[in-house]
Amino acid sequence: LVSGAFLHDVGKIGVPDRILLKPGKLTAEEYEIMKSHVHLGVEIVGDNPWLAGAVKIIRCHHERFDGRGYPGGLVGESIPLTARIFAVADVFDALTSERPYKKPLPVIEALGIMNESSPQHFDPKIMAHFNTIITGLHAWIAQADEDDHKQQLHDTLSRYFKIQAAR
C-alpha cells in the first residue's frame, strides 16, 4: 500500500505537460492519453519484484467498485484491496487539493461528494471506515508543521521499508 501510494501516478511522466497541466476540461482524446498513465506506470515498475505490491495499485487505482473504471473494468472485490483503499485516499486528495484546473474543496464538501458516489465508485466498507478517521487525520495534517510531517514520513518509511530513512 505504501509503495503503491508513492508510485501510483509514476506513469504520468509519459503524459505531455500540455495535458497534465491543462487548466480546463480535457477533450476525449486528451483523456485517453491521460488514462495511458496506468499502463505506462505498470511498464515502469512491473519487472521489479520488490514493487510487485505497488503494481496492483498502479494498475487498479482508477477502477470503480461498480465496474465502470479503467483500465480493466474490474468489479467489487475483484479490485485488489490495496487499490480500493488507495482509491479513496487518492480521490480525497484530488478533491481537497488545488490543481491547475480547480480550487480545493472544503473537507465536508469533498466527503459529501465521495459519500454520495460511494456505492458506485468506492467500496462502501472502506468509505465507511474512512469517514470515521478522516476528520481527525485531516485536522492533524492541517495543524502540523513541516517538522511534524517530516517525522511522520520518516517513521512511516522506517516502519514499512525497514530502512534507516534520512530525515
Protein backbone atom coordinates (compact mmCIF):
# COMPACT_ATOMS: atom_id res chain seq x y z
CA LEU A 1 0.00 0.00 0.00
CA VAL A 2 2.75 2.46 0.93
CA SER A 3 4.93 1.84 -2.12
CA GLY A 4 1.86 1.89 -4.37
CA ALA A 5 0.74 5.18 -2.86
CA PHE A 6 4.14 6.71 -3.59
CA LEU A 7 4.24 5.34 -7.15
CA HIS A 8 0.59 5.28 -8.26
CA ASP A 9 0.99 8.04 -10.86
CA VAL A 10 4.59 7.31 -11.95
CA GLY A 11 3.28 6.73 -15.48
CA LYS A 12 2.35 10.40 -15.75
CA ILE A 13 5.97 11.08 -16.68
CA GLY A 14 4.90 9.81 -20.11
CA VAL A 15 1.92 12.18 -20.38
CA PRO A 16 2.62 15.55 -22.02
CA ASP A 17 2.56 18.60 -19.73
CA ARG A 18 0.04 20.28 -22.03
CA ILE A 19 -2.43 17.63 -20.83
CA LEU A 20 -1.24 17.21 -17.23
CA LEU A 21 -1.31 20.95 -16.58
CA LYS A 22 -4.27 21.91 -18.75
CA PRO A 23 -6.39 24.41 -16.83
CA GLY A 24 -9.68 23.32 -18.41
CA LYS A 25 -11.60 20.16 -19.19
CA LEU A 26 -9.76 17.52 -21.21
CA THR A 27 -11.03 16.54 -24.64
CA ALA A 28 -11.93 12.88 -25.22
CA GLU A 29 -8.58 12.37 -26.98
CA GLU A 30 -6.65 14.06 -24.16
CA TYR A 31 -8.50 11.96 -21.58
CA GLU A 32 -7.47 8.76 -23.38
CA ILE A 33 -3.86 9.95 -23.32
CA MET A 34 -4.18 10.76 -19.59
CA LYS A 35 -5.57 7.28 -18.91
CA SER A 36 -2.45 5.78 -20.51
CA HIS A 37 -0.51 6.71 -17.35
CA VAL A 38 -1.77 3.47 -15.80
CA HIS A 39 -0.20 1.24 -18.46
CA LEU A 40 2.94 3.36 -18.54
CA GLY A 41 3.30 3.09 -14.76
CA VAL A 42 2.91 -0.69 -14.84
CA GLU A 43 5.59 -0.86 -17.55
CA ILE A 44 7.95 1.29 -15.49
CA VAL A 45 7.80 -0.78 -12.29
CA GLY A 46 6.32 -4.08 -13.48
CA ASP A 47 9.57 -6.04 -13.78
CA ASN A 48 10.75 -5.17 -10.27
CA PRO A 49 9.79 -7.96 -7.83
CA TRP A 50 10.27 -5.61 -4.87
CA LEU A 51 7.47 -3.41 -6.27
CA ALA A 52 5.00 -6.20 -7.09
CA GLY A 53 2.55 -4.89 -4.50
CA ALA A 54 2.79 -1.38 -5.91
CA VAL A 55 1.81 -2.65 -9.36
CA LYS A 56 -1.63 -3.60 -8.05
CA ILE A 57 -2.28 -0.02 -7.00
CA ILE A 58 -0.73 1.49 -10.12
CA ARG A 59 -2.88 -0.76 -12.32
CA CYS A 60 -6.13 -0.57 -10.36
CA HIS A 61 -6.41 2.80 -8.60
CA HIS A 62 -8.84 4.06 -11.27
CA GLU A 63 -11.09 1.01 -11.12
CA ARG A 64 -14.56 1.68 -9.68
CA PHE A 65 -16.49 -0.58 -7.36
CA ASP A 66 -19.35 -0.78 -9.89
CA GLY A 67 -17.02 -1.84 -12.75
CA ARG A 68 -17.12 1.43 -14.70
CA GLY A 69 -13.48 2.31 -14.02
CA TYR A 70 -10.37 1.66 -16.07
CA PRO A 71 -8.27 0.01 -17.38
CA GLY A 72 -9.87 -3.40 -16.67
CA GLY A 73 -13.44 -2.61 -15.69
CA LEU A 74 -12.97 -4.70 -12.53
CA VAL A 75 -15.95 -5.01 -10.18
CA GLY A 76 -16.19 -5.03 -6.37
CA GLU A 77 -13.78 -7.28 -4.54
CA SER A 78 -12.05 -8.32 -7.77
CA ILE A 79 -10.26 -4.99 -7.36
CA PRO A 80 -7.25 -5.58 -5.08
CA LEU A 81 -7.91 -4.41 -1.52
CA THR A 82 -4.92 -2.06 -1.53
CA ALA A 83 -6.20 -0.37 -4.69
CA ARG A 84 -9.70 0.00 -3.18
CA ILE A 85 -8.19 1.62 -0.09
CA PHE A 86 -5.90 3.87 -2.08
CA ALA A 87 -8.67 4.98 -4.46
CA VAL A 88 -10.48 6.60 -1.52
CA ALA A 89 -7.35 8.45 -0.39
CA ASP A 90 -6.47 9.48 -3.95
CA VAL A 91 -9.90 10.96 -4.71
CA PHE A 92 -9.98 12.74 -1.35
CA ASP A 93 -6.59 14.26 -2.13
CA ALA A 94 -7.72 15.26 -5.62
CA LEU A 95 -10.85 16.95 -4.30
CA THR A 96 -9.17 18.80 -1.42
CA SER A 97 -6.02 19.88 -3.26
CA GLU A 98 -5.54 22.79 -5.61
CA ARG A 99 -4.91 21.73 -9.19
CA PRO A 100 -4.23 23.77 -12.35
CA TYR A 101 -7.85 23.20 -13.35
CA LYS A 102 -9.63 23.65 -9.98
CA LYS A 103 -9.62 25.14 -6.50
CA PRO A 104 -9.55 22.84 -3.45
CA LEU A 105 -12.87 21.83 -1.90
CA PRO A 106 -13.51 22.03 1.83
CA VAL A 107 -13.27 18.65 3.60
CA ILE A 108 -17.01 18.48 4.33
CA GLU A 109 -17.89 19.14 0.68
CA ALA A 110 -15.35 16.57 -0.55
CA LEU A 111 -16.73 13.95 1.85
CA GLY A 112 -20.27 14.73 0.70
CA ILE A 113 -19.32 14.10 -2.92
CA MET A 114 -17.45 10.92 -2.05
CA ASN A 115 -20.20 9.51 0.16
CA GLU A 116 -22.81 10.23 -2.49
CA SER A 117 -20.82 8.25 -5.07
CA SER A 118 -19.58 5.62 -2.61
CA PRO A 119 -21.58 2.58 -3.67
CA GLN A 120 -20.63 3.14 -7.30
CA HIS A 121 -17.10 4.48 -7.06
CA PHE A 122 -15.77 3.15 -3.75
CA ASP A 123 -16.02 0.03 -1.65
CA PRO A 124 -18.73 1.07 0.84
CA LYS A 125 -16.95 -0.66 3.76
CA ILE A 126 -13.74 1.23 3.10
CA MET A 127 -15.59 4.51 2.64
CA ALA A 128 -17.43 3.96 5.95
CA HIS A 129 -14.12 3.43 7.75
CA PHE A 130 -12.56 6.44 6.02
CA ASN A 131 -15.43 8.57 7.35
CA THR A 132 -14.54 7.58 10.91
CA ILE A 133 -10.90 8.68 10.64
CA ILE A 134 -10.61 11.47 8.09
CA THR A 135 -11.79 14.46 10.10
CA GLY A 136 -9.26 13.92 12.90
CA LEU A 137 -6.50 12.93 10.49
CA HIS A 138 -7.09 15.93 8.24
CA ALA A 139 -7.15 18.26 11.26
CA TRP A 140 -3.79 16.88 12.43
CA ILE A 141 -2.27 17.26 8.96
CA ALA A 142 -3.56 20.83 8.65
CA GLN A 143 -2.13 21.95 12.00
CA ALA A 144 1.15 20.01 11.86
CA ASP A 145 4.28 21.90 10.93
CA GLU A 146 6.94 20.83 8.45
CA ASP A 147 8.98 19.04 11.13
CA ASP A 148 5.91 17.03 12.19
CA HIS A 149 5.34 15.97 8.58
CA LYS A 150 8.99 15.04 8.12
CA GLN A 151 8.92 12.95 11.29
CA GLN A 152 5.72 11.17 10.20
CA LEU A 153 7.24 10.40 6.79
CA HIS A 154 10.45 9.17 8.41
CA ASP A 155 8.52 6.94 10.81
CA THR A 156 6.36 5.53 8.01
CA LEU A 157 9.29 4.79 5.72
CA SER A 158 11.27 3.20 8.54
CA ARG A 159 8.34 1.02 9.61
CA TYR A 160 7.22 -0.17 6.18
CA PHE A 161 10.51 -0.40 4.36
CA LYS A 162 12.65 -1.41 7.35
CA ILE A 163 15.33 1.04 6.34
CA GLN A 164 17.09 3.86 8.08
CA ALA A 165 15.29 6.73 6.37
CA ALA A 166 17.10 10.07 6.17
CA ARG A 167 15.44 12.96 7.97
